[in-house]
Amino acid sequence: MRIRITRHALGRMRSYGISEELIEEAMKKPDSMVDGEKGRKIAQKRINRHVLRIIYEEWEDEKIVITVYKAKSERYEI
């Protein structure tokens, strides 16, 4: 399945220093998955003392990354 990253998500990746390779790895092998709003999904991956959260939508043959961010691990149970 193809992964497409929106401009917004690319900007967030730059600001957090997150590579496309890390996004792909986290989406293929997340530590946990949760349901988001409006049918979206959230892939979560531990990175040191933070949690990388990737909010995306699934369409026929692709996953569209809407936004990404790092959060303190205490905020989210994985």
Protein backbone atom coordinates (compact mmCIF):
# COMPACT_ATOMS: atom_id res chain seq x y z
CA MET A 1 0.00 0.00 0.00
CA ARG A 2 1.33 3.42 -0.97
CA ILE A 3 1.86 6.15 1.65
CA ARG A 4 1.18 9.74 0.63
CA ILE A 5 2.13 12.63 2.91
CA THR A 6 0.24 15.93 2.81
CA ARG A 7 2.04 19.29 2.77
CA HIS A 8 0.82 19.96 6.28
CA ALA A 9 2.31 16.69 7.53
CA LEU A 10 5.60 17.40 5.72
CA GLY A 11 5.83 20.74 7.49
CA ARG A 12 5.19 19.09 10.85
CA MET A 13 7.82 16.44 10.08
CA ARG A 14 10.37 19.17 9.38
CA SER A 15 9.57 21.01 12.60
CA TYR A 16 9.90 17.82 14.68
CA GLY A 17 12.89 16.43 12.76
CA ILE A 18 11.01 13.31 11.62
CA SER A 19 12.11 11.52 8.44
CA GLU A 20 9.89 9.87 5.85
CA GLU A 21 11.64 6.59 6.63
CA LEU A 22 10.57 6.84 10.27
CA ILE A 23 6.98 7.56 9.22
CA GLU A 24 6.95 4.51 6.95
CA GLU A 25 8.46 2.29 9.64
CA ALA A 26 6.01 3.52 12.28
CA MET A 27 3.04 2.94 9.98
CA LYS A 28 4.18 -0.55 8.98
CA LYS A 29 5.08 -1.64 12.53
CA PRO A 30 3.36 0.65 15.04
CA ASP A 31 3.58 -0.01 18.78
CA SER A 32 -0.17 0.61 18.91
CA MET A 33 -3.09 1.75 16.78
CA VAL A 34 -6.12 3.77 17.87
CA ASP A 35 -9.18 5.02 16.09
CA GLY A 36 -9.30 8.75 15.46
CA GLU A 37 -12.12 11.09 14.58
CA LYS A 38 -13.94 11.00 11.24
CA GLY A 39 -12.81 7.44 10.53
CA ARG A 40 -9.14 8.33 10.72
CA LYS A 41 -6.52 6.08 12.27
CA ILE A 42 -3.60 6.90 14.54
CA ALA A 43 -0.37 4.91 14.44
CA GLN A 44 1.78 5.32 17.54
CA LYS A 45 5.47 4.55 17.92
CA ARG A 46 7.71 5.05 20.95
CA ILE A 47 10.76 7.23 20.36
CA ASN A 48 12.82 7.62 23.53
CA ARG A 49 10.57 9.45 26.02
CA HIS A 50 8.12 10.53 23.35
CA VAL A 51 5.37 8.98 21.29
CA LEU A 52 5.27 9.63 17.56
CA ARG A 53 1.62 9.92 16.53
CA ILE A 54 0.67 9.68 12.86
CA ILE A 55 -2.90 10.56 11.94
CA TYR A 56 -3.92 9.19 8.56
CA GLU A 57 -6.80 8.12 6.35
CA GLU A 58 -6.97 4.89 4.37
CA TRP A 59 -8.26 4.98 0.84
CA GLU A 60 -8.43 2.17 -1.71
CA ASP A 61 -4.74 1.67 -2.38
CA GLU A 62 -3.06 4.33 -0.26
CA LYS A 63 -2.69 5.76 3.21
CA ILE A 64 -2.78 9.55 3.38
CA VAL A 65 -0.84 11.06 6.28
CA ILE A 66 -2.81 14.07 7.54
CA THR A 67 -0.51 15.17 10.36
CA VAL A 68 2.24 13.93 12.66
CA TYR A 69 3.57 15.02 16.01
CA LYS A 70 5.63 13.93 18.99
CA ALA A 71 3.99 13.90 22.40
CA LYS A 72 5.23 13.10 25.88
CA SER A 73 4.78 9.39 26.49
CA GLU A 74 2.92 10.04 29.77
CA ARG A 75 0.00 11.45 27.76
CA TYR A 76 -0.67 8.27 25.81
CA GLU A 77 -0.76 4.65 26.90
CA ILE A 78 0.99 2.30 24.55
